[in-house]
Amino acid sequence: MAKPIIPASALSESEAAEELTLLADEIAAHDLRYYQEDAPAVSDADYDSLKRRNAEIEAGFPHLIRENSPSSRVGAARAEKFLPVEHGVPMLSLDNAFSDEEAVEFDARVRRFLRLDEAIAYTAEPKIDGLSASLRYEQGVLVQGATRGDGRTGEDVTENLRTLGDIPQRLKGSGWPDVIEVRGEVYIDGEGFLKLNADAAAAGQKTYANPRNAAAGSLRQLDSKITAARPLRFFAYAWGLTSAPFAKTQGEALGHLAAWGFPVTPQTQRVEGVEGLLAAYRAMEALRPKLGFDIDGVVYKVDRLDWQDRLGFVTRVPRWAIARKFPAQQARTRLNAIDLQVGRTGAITPVARLAPVTVGGVVVENATLHNADEIARKDIRVGDMVVIQRAGDVIPQITGPVLDERPAGAQPFEFPTHCPCPLKTPLARETTAGGAETVVRRCTGEFACPFQRVEHLMHFVSRRAYDIEGLGEKQIQAFYEEGLVTAPADIFRLARNETALADLRTRDGYGETSVNNLAAGIEARRTIALDRFIFGLGIRNVGETTAMTLARGYGSLAVFLAAMDKVADGDPDAIAELDALDQVGEAVVEAARSYFGEDHNRQVVADLVAELTVIDAEKPKTETAVAGKTVVFTGALERLTRDEAKAQAERLGAKVSGSVSRKTDIVVAGPGAGSKLKAAADLSIQVMTEDEWLALVGS
């Protein structure tokens, strides 16, 4: 049986803090793959489950809410290949509802806030499954187009958006504000998606898993000619910055957008009260398979714009709107085999190999089975007819077997006790820092396991680590199999191995230019920042945020490595120093002790250091008004973004914390500050406004 998840209300404070840390890193990684790489690795349903779990824990432990909390973040940072665009008004996301009861509660919350007994009018709009975009018009002329990015800063894709026939270069009619940001969704309809993939397959090029990925990949091309050749469409449904009001209701605003030349969804309807919300959902659910484009739910919005203004926002979402998500789409197919995949940290993931089946317009041949306990709990056996579920996802899941169709002789799956690698290393159950056993089974071979070594190398060259241009997963796999690259240092040796480079130039798919670019890309990363160096090592539980914390905490590579040697040797002072760093807990301490306690790992690091120049972390200032002080930012900042404020404080030598405690020196409180402000008052901690903070630090 699978180990039950501990209810959020039953977690201890240390358990809650540890799980929030893991959730923040996991969700951030999924956001990066979804928003930047257009290659999501989990289903929408699984992603929503992670977000809901995070929200439940934060509700029970508000003082533990982290600065990088997923509840305060929208999307992901823009990709560096595009210029930044600051949105005039942030492009925020929506809360989700998954049941009639949650839709009823949404209506009740709105009426409670507005103190109304009467039924409220809403618009019910189809939730298009595409890529959000913002179009800035000045004097009726399109001057700039951008992706959502992290909600505040998007990517400049103006020239690409100009190629879409649905987007007017100049607004039609009259009555539009002098300046307006029109928001909407870029998508590809079903017919266009099938043709795009067929053409790509015929040309031997990459095909896309679903229309959403195809739309995102097509819009985020560096060459607008490629975008122009793709069947991209656009629906307008909202607006951001405007120089003047132009409507009194959501419905009226959509009518104006249509009159100005934008396509708007004809399925949108105005409904009254909670009965109207539920009826609109049923109607849209029935209409879904008949539409020519993908939708994954219905968006409810309060129709009156003055009421929208009164309702305002809470954290990163509006109070006046919510997305009612459709349930996952399902199909049946035969389970032909169960294979095991070995991850970078040795975690063993069982993968179902299926008879191909179409679910929601996508051909599915593989599905994750998560872990051994999940297989046993659902009693899934090779040969079973199984139910496949997806909700706009790329990696679907198996909900369970069809027992009435189980073939005679089908045996329960016996999870192997040893890794499938040639070494057949024993598998062990993972334990938490507190010693509790988890459902994860890991290969204990570390770098001796070839599967883990390849995954480590892929992590090393990934975008958030060394980001070596021209060296991706395909090249790493090939180079490893040939023995050219078996450890990180080998990558840098390859760049100066003229014999190996000359051999590469003779191979199909390489050539003079690509090999020269590869060598140049490697050489460009021979000088690396300390935080990227640490992140690239692939230490378990050390994500980007923790790597930056370690870099700033130790300052230089020499100091960091000396400290890690002491941690590995069990030095209590070194362990205490590491544990005292912000956002570092038992899980990170144990991971560092384990990693640097392995002689093989130490040699990998030593060989790598011999090839690199590692730049010291920026040293915090000591002669400022806030040097050495612990600062907490809470509420909405109006002159700085939260990231800018945090970076500013750290540059001035302050330590930024996500929670208020007796160690806190200053709380900077903006509009909407809640529990942290109360905690500051209870502890008699100095509280100041954003303006007072800026005056203190001299900005």
Foldseek 3Di string as FASTA:
>chain_A
DADDDDQLLPDDPVRLLVLQLVLLQVLQVQLCCVQEVLHGDDFPVVSVVSLVSNVRNCVNVVQSQFPSGPLQWARAAEDPVFDKDFDPFFDFDFAEDADLVVLQVLQVVLCVLVVDPFWFKKKKAFAFQAWKKKFKAAQQATDWMFTNGGRGMTGTLRLLVVLAPQDDRGWDDDQAFRIWIWMWGKWAFLVLLVVVQVVQVVVVHDHDQDTRSVRSVLSPDPDSVSVNVGRIHIATQDIGDGPDDRDFWSVVVSVSVVNRRHHHDPLMDMAIHSVRVVVSFVVCVVCQVVDRGHTFFIKIFRTGVVSQVSQQDDNRHGSGMHTYGDFWWKDKWAFADWDWAQALQQWIWIKTATDWDDTPSGTDGIATQGFDVSCVVQQDFHGFTWMWTHRPTNHIHTPHGPVVPRDPPTDGDDDDQFDPAPVRAGWDFDAALVGHTRRTIGRPCNLVGQSNQLNLLQLLCDPLALVQPLDHSVNSVVCVVVVQDRAPLSLLVCLVPVVNLVVQLPDPPDHDPNSPSNSVSSVVSLEEEQLSLVCSLVQPSCHSVNSLQLLQLQFDPVSSVVLLLCLLVVPPVSLVSQCPTASDHSRNSVSSNVQNVDPVNVVSSVSSVVRHHYDTDQHAAQPALAAPAEEEEFDDDDPDHSVRVCVLCVNNRYHYTHRDDLRHAEYAYDPPGDDRVVVCVVNVHHYHYPVVVCVRRVD
